[in-house]
């Protein structure tokens, strides 16, 4: 999961005088201050939005494209940057499903507070380097373990998230994409699919502490910063 504290997570360029292209995340509660400091460094700003991002352009040509969490942004003309900060800080009821290899976690958040959760795991062996018949037998065994693990993850999602699906504002997914897609293909999870956000959480093995930490990431504003220096 990216560091959401506001530090750049990627940095390209570095030649003096050339544009610097960085990507970073800023936690919801800090986005207003970050934008104020951006204007302080680069001069007065103007902005436009299409509801999914806010494009902020400064007097010196620096640009910050701010991805709106939980789009669309219902623009408030009288608020700075269309009310992006207030939108990001809004408390929502969010379902989270994380799956990676044999581990899985499902939770319901009210704002940043985890109000319901279940975390579990099933054994899935790594891939065998052996050849021949032994490798085929191992592969079949592993495929069976993967199906069991994915079924257990779907069971947990069906137990924790599906019963409250009509009360959720959104569902956020994370972990291994292919595995999560397989789990979400379970027919019982159909009510969750329309709520799933495009934002993806890149997380390690989904333990309880990992699940508990996700609000900082799913509420954060992701920014692409083009800083012409």
C-alpha atoms as a PDB file:
ATOM      1  CA  UNK A   1       0.000   0.000   0.000  1.00  0.00           C
ATOM      2  CA  UNK A   2       1.406   3.417  -0.867  1.00  0.00           C
ATOM      3  CA  UNK A   3       2.510   5.720   1.926  1.00  0.00           C
ATOM      4  CA  UNK A   4      -0.475   8.113   2.224  1.00  0.00           C
ATOM      5  CA  UNK A   5       1.288  10.727   4.324  1.00  0.00           C
ATOM      6  CA  UNK A   6       1.965  13.075   1.432  1.00  0.00           C
ATOM      7  CA  UNK A   7       5.488  11.999   0.482  1.00  0.00           C
ATOM      8  CA  UNK A   8       6.078  11.286  -3.193  1.00  0.00           C
ATOM      9  CA  UNK A   9       5.776   7.605  -4.044  1.00  0.00           C
ATOM     10  CA  UNK A  10       7.391   7.969  -7.460  1.00  0.00           C
ATOM     11  CA  UNK A  11       9.789  10.529  -8.818  1.00  0.00           C
ATOM     12  CA  UNK A  12      10.774  10.909 -12.458  1.00  0.00           C
ATOM     13  CA  UNK A  13      13.034  13.471 -14.045  1.00  0.00           C
ATOM     14  CA  UNK A  14      15.709  15.218 -12.048  1.00  0.00           C
ATOM     15  CA  UNK A  15      17.446  17.158 -14.867  1.00  0.00           C
ATOM     16  CA  UNK A  16      17.723  20.788 -13.807  1.00  0.00           C
ATOM     17  CA  UNK A  17      15.006  22.891 -15.472  1.00  0.00           C
ATOM     18  CA  UNK A  18      13.027  19.899 -16.713  1.00  0.00           C
ATOM     19  CA  UNK A  19       9.502  19.051 -15.521  1.00  0.00           C
ATOM     20  CA  UNK A  20       9.281  16.754 -12.521  1.00  0.00           C
ATOM     21  CA  UNK A  21       6.484  14.155 -12.651  1.00  0.00           C
ATOM     22  CA  UNK A  22       5.634  12.741  -9.215  1.00  0.00           C
ATOM     23  CA  UNK A  23       2.820  10.661  -7.808  1.00  0.00           C
ATOM     24  CA  UNK A  24       1.859  10.878  -4.176  1.00  0.00           C
ATOM     25  CA  UNK A  25      -1.011  10.332  -1.781  1.00  0.00           C
ATOM     26  CA  UNK A  26      -2.246  12.829   0.768  1.00  0.00           C
ATOM     27  CA  UNK A  27      -4.530  11.704   3.576  1.00  0.00           C
ATOM     28  CA  UNK A  28      -7.974  13.263   3.427  1.00  0.00           C
ATOM     29  CA  UNK A  29      -7.520  15.473   6.477  1.00  0.00           C
ATOM     30  CA  UNK A  30      -4.356  17.049   5.036  1.00  0.00           C
ATOM     31  CA  UNK A  31      -5.432  17.776   1.470  1.00  0.00           C
ATOM     32  CA  UNK A  32      -6.608  21.314   2.222  1.00  0.00           C
ATOM     33  CA  UNK A  33      -3.265  22.229   3.753  1.00  0.00           C
ATOM     34  CA  UNK A  34      -1.367  20.526   0.922  1.00  0.00           C
ATOM     35  CA  UNK A  35      -3.229  22.586  -1.691  1.00  0.00           C
ATOM     36  CA  UNK A  36      -2.597  25.784   0.281  1.00  0.00           C
ATOM     37  CA  UNK A  37       1.127  25.006   0.360  1.00  0.00           C
ATOM     38  CA  UNK A  38       1.076  24.168  -3.364  1.00  0.00           C
ATOM     39  CA  UNK A  39      -0.353  27.618  -4.072  1.00  0.00           C
ATOM     40  CA  UNK A  40       2.188  29.169  -1.703  1.00  0.00           C
ATOM     41  CA  UNK A  41       5.081  27.598  -3.608  1.00  0.00           C
ATOM     42  CA  UNK A  42       3.804  28.105  -7.146  1.00  0.00           C
ATOM     43  CA  UNK A  43       1.562  31.156  -7.068  1.00  0.00           C
ATOM     44  CA  UNK A  44      -2.199  31.692  -7.413  1.00  0.00           C
ATOM     45  CA  UNK A  45      -4.098  28.686  -8.728  1.00  0.00           C
ATOM     46  CA  UNK A  46      -7.099  27.943 -10.905  1.00  0.00           C
ATOM     47  CA  UNK A  47      -8.921  24.636 -11.118  1.00  0.00           C
ATOM     48  CA  UNK A  48     -11.351  22.582 -13.167  1.00  0.00           C
ATOM     49  CA  UNK A  49     -13.042  19.264 -12.447  1.00  0.00           C
ATOM     50  CA  UNK A  50     -14.817  16.533 -14.372  1.00  0.00           C
ATOM     51  CA  UNK A  51     -16.108  14.948 -11.168  1.00  0.00           C
ATOM     52  CA  UNK A  52     -13.431  12.259 -11.032  1.00  0.00           C
ATOM     53  CA  UNK A  53     -10.389  14.530 -10.685  1.00  0.00           C
ATOM     54  CA  UNK A  54      -9.589  18.136  -9.900  1.00  0.00           C
ATOM     55  CA  UNK A  55      -6.968  19.734 -12.143  1.00  0.00           C
ATOM     56  CA  UNK A  56      -5.161  22.508 -10.281  1.00  0.00           C
ATOM     57  CA  UNK A  57      -2.937  24.848 -12.324  1.00  0.00           C
ATOM     58  CA  UNK A  58      -0.618  27.337 -10.658  1.00  0.00           C
ATOM     59  CA  UNK A  59       0.652  30.659 -11.956  1.00  0.00           C
ATOM     60  CA  UNK A  60       4.136  29.275 -12.658  1.00  0.00           C
ATOM     61  CA  UNK A  61       2.761  26.378 -14.731  1.00  0.00           C
ATOM     62  CA  UNK A  62       2.914  23.670 -12.063  1.00  0.00           C
ATOM     63  CA  UNK A  63      -0.042  21.266 -12.280  1.00  0.00           C
ATOM     64  CA  UNK A  64      -1.541  18.979  -9.671  1.00  0.00           C
ATOM     65  CA  UNK A  65      -4.107  16.459 -10.899  1.00  0.00           C
ATOM     66  CA  UNK A  66      -6.007  15.313  -7.802  1.00  0.00           C
ATOM     67  CA  UNK A  67      -7.920  12.045  -8.065  1.00  0.00           C
ATOM     68  CA  UNK A  68     -11.252  12.296  -6.273  1.00  0.00           C
ATOM     69  CA  UNK A  69     -11.819   9.475  -3.785  1.00  0.00           C
ATOM     70  CA  UNK A  70     -15.319   8.025  -4.075  1.00  0.00           C
ATOM     71  CA  UNK A  71     -16.288   9.980  -7.196  1.00  0.00           C
ATOM     72  CA  UNK A  72     -18.130  11.898  -8.386  1.00  0.00           C
ATOM     73  CA  UNK A  73     -17.269  15.159  -6.705  1.00  0.00           C
ATOM     74  CA  UNK A  74     -20.490  17.154  -6.412  1.00  0.00           C
ATOM     75  CA  UNK A  75     -18.934  20.505  -7.136  1.00  0.00           C
ATOM     76  CA  UNK A  76     -19.424  23.283  -4.612  1.00  0.00           C
ATOM     77  CA  UNK A  77     -18.638  26.489  -6.514  1.00  0.00           C
ATOM     78  CA  UNK A  78     -18.126  28.567  -3.385  1.00  0.00           C
ATOM     79  CA  UNK A  79     -15.614  26.126  -1.855  1.00  0.00           C
ATOM     80  CA  UNK A  80     -11.899  25.943  -2.691  1.00  0.00           C
ATOM     81  CA  UNK A  81     -11.226  23.399  -5.431  1.00  0.00           C
ATOM     82  CA  UNK A  82     -14.909  22.545  -5.669  1.00  0.00           C
ATOM     83  CA  UNK A  83     -15.070  21.276  -2.102  1.00  0.00           C
ATOM     84  CA  UNK A  84     -12.492  18.519  -2.650  1.00  0.00           C
ATOM     85  CA  UNK A  85     -11.281  18.600   0.958  1.00  0.00           C
ATOM     86  CA  UNK A  86     -14.773  18.323   2.430  1.00  0.00           C
ATOM     87  CA  UNK A  87     -15.627  15.530  -0.009  1.00  0.00           C
ATOM     88  CA  UNK A  88     -12.517  13.535   0.873  1.00  0.00           C
ATOM     89  CA  UNK A  89     -13.139  13.929   4.610  1.00  0.00           C
ATOM     90  CA  UNK A  90     -16.779  12.846   4.452  1.00  0.00           C
ATOM     91  CA  UNK A  91     -17.441   9.785   6.604  1.00  0.00           C
ATOM     92  CA  UNK A  92     -18.799   6.934   4.506  1.00  0.00           C
ATOM     93  CA  UNK A  93     -19.871   3.385   5.172  1.00  0.00           C
ATOM     94  CA  UNK A  94     -17.369   1.344   3.180  1.00  0.00           C
ATOM     95  CA  UNK A  95     -16.898  -2.375   2.689  1.00  0.00           C
ATOM     96  CA  UNK A  96     -13.353  -3.638   2.157  1.00  0.00           C
ATOM     97  CA  UNK A  97     -12.295  -7.008   0.760  1.00  0.00           C
ATOM     98  CA  UNK A  98      -8.610  -7.958   0.649  1.00  0.00           C
ATOM     99  CA  UNK A  99      -7.379 -11.262  -0.781  1.00  0.00           C
ATOM    100  CA  UNK A 100      -3.840 -12.453  -1.443  1.00  0.00           C
ATOM    101  CA  UNK A 101      -2.790 -16.086  -1.913  1.00  0.00           C
ATOM    102  CA  UNK A 102      -4.318 -17.964   1.008  1.00  0.00           C
ATOM    103  CA  UNK A 103      -5.074 -14.901   3.157  1.00  0.00           C
ATOM    104  CA  UNK A 104      -8.244 -12.833   3.151  1.00  0.00           C
ATOM    105  CA  UNK A 105      -9.948 -10.101   5.136  1.00  0.00           C
ATOM    106  CA  UNK A 106     -13.347  -8.434   4.904  1.00  0.00           C
ATOM    107  CA  UNK A 107     -14.461  -5.427   6.912  1.00  0.00           C
ATOM    108  CA  UNK A 108     -17.064  -2.717   7.213  1.00  0.00           C
ATOM    109  CA  UNK A 109     -15.916   0.805   8.080  1.00  0.00           C
ATOM    110  CA  UNK A 110     -17.929   3.744   9.307  1.00  0.00           C
ATOM    111  CA  UNK A 111     -15.590   6.587   8.493  1.00  0.00           C
ATOM    112  CA  UNK A 112     -12.244   5.329   9.794  1.00  0.00           C
ATOM    113  CA  UNK A 113     -13.773   2.997  12.387  1.00  0.00           C
ATOM    114  CA  UNK A 114     -13.862  -0.738  11.708  1.00  0.00           C
ATOM    115  CA  UNK A 115     -17.267  -1.946  12.903  1.00  0.00           C
ATOM    116  CA  UNK A 116     -17.333  -5.514  11.568  1.00  0.00           C
ATOM    117  CA  UNK A 117     -14.606  -7.788  10.246  1.00  0.00           C
ATOM    118  CA  UNK A 118     -13.378 -11.297   9.608  1.00  0.00           C
ATOM    119  CA  UNK A 119      -9.829 -12.309   8.761  1.00  0.00           C
ATOM    120  CA  UNK A 120      -8.655 -15.777   7.829  1.00  0.00           C
ATOM    121  CA  UNK A 121      -6.323 -17.921   5.768  1.00  0.00           C
ATOM    122  CA  UNK A 122      -6.066 -21.273   4.031  1.00  0.00           C
ATOM    123  CA  UNK A 123      -2.868 -23.097   3.163  1.00  0.00           C
ATOM    124  CA  UNK A 124      -1.720 -22.657  -0.415  1.00  0.00           C
ATOM    125  CA  UNK A 125       1.662 -24.168  -1.273  1.00  0.00           C
ATOM    126  CA  UNK A 126       4.108 -22.313  -3.474  1.00  0.00           C
ATOM    127  CA  UNK A 127       4.867 -23.498  -6.972  1.00  0.00           C
ATOM    128  CA  UNK A 128       7.035 -26.604  -7.327  1.00  0.00           C
ATOM    129  CA  UNK A 129      10.284 -26.521  -9.245  1.00  0.00           C
ATOM    130  CA  UNK A 130      10.177 -30.273  -9.766  1.00  0.00           C
ATOM    131  CA  UNK A 131       9.435 -31.750 -13.183  1.00  0.00           C
ATOM    132  CA  UNK A 132       7.520 -34.672 -14.613  1.00  0.00           C
ATOM    133  CA  UNK A 133       4.617 -36.482 -12.973  1.00  0.00           C
ATOM    134  CA  UNK A 134       5.405 -35.112  -9.516  1.00  0.00           C
ATOM    135  CA  UNK A 135       5.056 -31.580 -10.809  1.00  0.00           C
ATOM    136  CA  UNK A 136       1.650 -32.338 -12.368  1.00  0.00           C
ATOM    137  CA  UNK A 137       0.434 -33.938  -9.163  1.00  0.00           C
ATOM    138  CA  UNK A 138       1.690 -31.003  -7.110  1.00  0.00           C
ATOM    139  CA  UNK A 139       0.014 -28.556  -9.521  1.00  0.00           C
ATOM    140  CA  UNK A 140      -3.342 -30.330  -9.164  1.00  0.00           C
ATOM    141  CA  UNK A 141      -3.008 -30.273  -5.393  1.00  0.00           C
ATOM    142  CA  UNK A 142      -2.156 -26.592  -5.440  1.00  0.00           C
ATOM    143  CA  UNK A 143      -5.111 -25.812  -7.722  1.00  0.00           C
ATOM    144  CA  UNK A 144      -7.351 -27.532  -5.224  1.00  0.00           C
ATOM    145  CA  UNK A 145      -5.871 -25.482  -2.380  1.00  0.00           C
ATOM    146  CA  UNK A 146      -6.397 -22.268  -4.362  1.00  0.00           C
ATOM    147  CA  UNK A 147     -10.069 -23.129  -4.956  1.00  0.00           C
ATOM    148  CA  UNK A 148     -10.573 -23.838  -1.253  1.00  0.00           C
ATOM    149  CA  UNK A 149      -8.874 -20.552  -0.289  1.00  0.00           C
ATOM    150  CA  UNK A 150     -10.924 -18.552  -2.779  1.00  0.00           C
ATOM    151  CA  UNK A 151     -14.098 -20.243  -1.593  1.00  0.00           C
ATOM    152  CA  UNK A 152     -13.262 -19.373   2.006  1.00  0.00           C
ATOM    153  CA  UNK A 153     -12.655 -15.739   1.024  1.00  0.00           C
ATOM    154  CA  UNK A 154     -16.000 -15.634  -0.797  1.00  0.00           C
ATOM    155  CA  UNK A 155     -17.687 -17.178   2.259  1.00  0.00           C
ATOM    156  CA  UNK A 156     -16.312 -14.415   4.476  1.00  0.00           C
ATOM    157  CA  UNK A 157     -17.334 -11.674   2.038  1.00  0.00           C
ATOM    158  CA  UNK A 158     -20.810 -13.185   1.797  1.00  0.00           C
ATOM    159  CA  UNK A 159     -21.077 -13.277   5.591  1.00  0.00           C
ATOM    160  CA  UNK A 160     -19.638  -9.836   6.405  1.00  0.00           C
ATOM    161  CA  UNK A 161     -20.397  -7.619   3.397  1.00  0.00           C
ATOM    162  CA  UNK A 162     -23.385  -8.963   1.478  1.00  0.00           C
ATOM    163  CA  UNK A 163     -25.949  -8.674   4.327  1.00  0.00           C
ATOM    164  CA  UNK A 164     -25.157  -4.945   4.656  1.00  0.00           C
ATOM    165  CA  UNK A 165     -24.618  -4.222   0.948  1.00  0.00           C
ATOM    166  CA  UNK A 166     -27.647  -1.932   0.708  1.00  0.00           C
ATOM    167  CA  UNK A 167     -26.210   0.245   3.507  1.00  0.00           C
ATOM    168  CA  UNK A 168     -22.749   0.615   1.958  1.00  0.00           C
ATOM    169  CA  UNK A 169     -21.651   3.691   0.050  1.00  0.00           C
ATOM    170  CA  UNK A 170     -18.863   1.784  -1.677  1.00  0.00           C
ATOM    171  CA  UNK A 171     -16.741  -1.369  -1.734  1.00  0.00           C
ATOM    172  CA  UNK A 172     -12.961  -1.163  -1.968  1.00  0.00           C
ATOM    173  CA  UNK A 173     -10.913  -4.152  -3.123  1.00  0.00           C
ATOM    174  CA  UNK A 174      -7.249  -4.976  -2.703  1.00  0.00           C
ATOM    175  CA  UNK A 175      -4.538  -7.609  -2.770  1.00  0.00           C
ATOM    176  CA  UNK A 176      -3.852  -9.827  -5.755  1.00  0.00           C
ATOM    177  CA  UNK A 177      -6.069  -8.722  -8.654  1.00  0.00           C
ATOM    178  CA  UNK A 178      -6.494 -12.097 -10.303  1.00  0.00           C
ATOM    179  CA  UNK A 179      -7.395 -13.769  -7.025  1.00  0.00           C
ATOM    180  CA  UNK A 180      -9.819 -11.016  -6.041  1.00  0.00           C
ATOM    181  CA  UNK A 181     -11.493 -11.174  -9.457  1.00  0.00           C
ATOM    182  CA  UNK A 182     -11.977 -14.914  -9.013  1.00  0.00           C
ATOM    183  CA  UNK A 183     -13.484 -14.407  -5.561  1.00  0.00           C
ATOM    184  CA  UNK A 184     -15.771 -11.612  -6.766  1.00  0.00           C
ATOM    185  CA  UNK A 185     -17.027 -13.940  -9.488  1.00  0.00           C
ATOM    186  CA  UNK A 186     -18.903 -15.894  -6.813  1.00  0.00           C
ATOM    187  CA  UNK A 187     -22.610 -15.393  -7.518  1.00  0.00           C
ATOM    188  CA  UNK A 188     -23.307 -14.616  -3.874  1.00  0.00           C
ATOM    189  CA  UNK A 189     -21.172 -11.484  -4.151  1.00  0.00           C
ATOM    190  CA  UNK A 190     -23.136  -9.975  -7.041  1.00  0.00           C
ATOM    191  CA  UNK A 191     -24.624  -7.216  -4.793  1.00  0.00           C
ATOM    192  CA  UNK A 192     -21.089  -5.975  -4.125  1.00  0.00           C
ATOM    193  CA  UNK A 193     -19.946  -5.647  -7.729  1.00  0.00           C
ATOM    194  CA  UNK A 194     -21.810  -2.462  -8.585  1.00  0.00           C
ATOM    195  CA  UNK A 195     -20.366  -0.820  -5.467  1.00  0.00           C
ATOM    196  CA  UNK A 196     -16.733  -1.696  -6.238  1.00  0.00           C
ATOM    197  CA  UNK A 197     -14.469   1.321  -6.736  1.00  0.00           C
ATOM    198  CA  UNK A 198     -11.792   1.610  -9.408  1.00  0.00           C
ATOM    199  CA  UNK A 199      -9.265   2.484  -6.717  1.00  0.00           C
ATOM    200  CA  UNK A 200      -7.191  -0.572  -5.838  1.00  0.00           C
ATOM    201  CA  UNK A 201      -5.385  -1.191  -2.550  1.00  0.00           C
ATOM    202  CA  UNK A 202      -1.939  -2.715  -2.952  1.00  0.00           C
ATOM    203  CA  UNK A 203      -1.576  -4.530   0.364  1.00  0.00           C
ATOM    204  CA  UNK A 204       0.645  -7.247   1.854  1.00  0.00           C
ATOM    205  CA  UNK A 205      -0.785 -10.407   3.411  1.00  0.00           C
ATOM    206  CA  UNK A 206      -4.163  -9.182   4.705  1.00  0.00           C
ATOM    207  CA  UNK A 207      -3.857  -9.486   8.460  1.00  0.00           C
ATOM    208  CA  UNK A 208      -6.169  -7.595  10.814  1.00  0.00           C
ATOM    209  CA  UNK A 209      -3.658  -4.765  11.228  1.00  0.00           C
ATOM    210  CA  UNK A 210      -3.498  -4.374   7.442  1.00  0.00           C
ATOM    211  CA  UNK A 211      -7.293  -4.214   7.215  1.00  0.00           C
ATOM    212  CA  UNK A 212      -7.449  -1.665  10.021  1.00  0.00           C
ATOM    213  CA  UNK A 213      -4.954   0.574   8.210  1.00  0.00           C
ATOM    214  CA  UNK A 214      -6.867   0.779   4.917  1.00  0.00           C
ATOM    215  CA  UNK A 215      -8.950   3.944   5.565  1.00  0.00           C
ATOM    216  CA  UNK A 216      -5.844   6.115   5.252  1.00  0.00           C
ATOM    217  CA  UNK A 217      -5.401   4.752   1.722  1.00  0.00           C
ATOM    218  CA  UNK A 218      -8.973   4.505   0.465  1.00  0.00           C
ATOM    219  CA  UNK A 219      -9.839   8.007   1.733  1.00  0.00           C
ATOM    220  CA  UNK A 220      -6.600   9.583   0.471  1.00  0.00           C
ATOM    221  CA  UNK A 221      -6.352  11.949  -2.477  1.00  0.00           C
ATOM    222  CA  UNK A 222      -3.963  10.572  -5.076  1.00  0.00           C
ATOM    223  CA  UNK A 223      -2.072  13.328  -6.849  1.00  0.00           C
ATOM    224  CA  UNK A 224      -0.033  13.473 -10.026  1.00  0.00           C
ATOM    225  CA  UNK A 225       2.226  16.491  -9.718  1.00  0.00           C
ATOM    226  CA  UNK A 226       3.782  18.079 -12.787  1.00  0.00           C
ATOM    227  CA  UNK A 227       6.169  20.622 -11.375  1.00  0.00           C
ATOM    228  CA  UNK A 228       7.860  22.733 -14.030  1.00  0.00           C
ATOM    229  CA  UNK A 229      11.089  24.000 -12.516  1.00  0.00           C
END
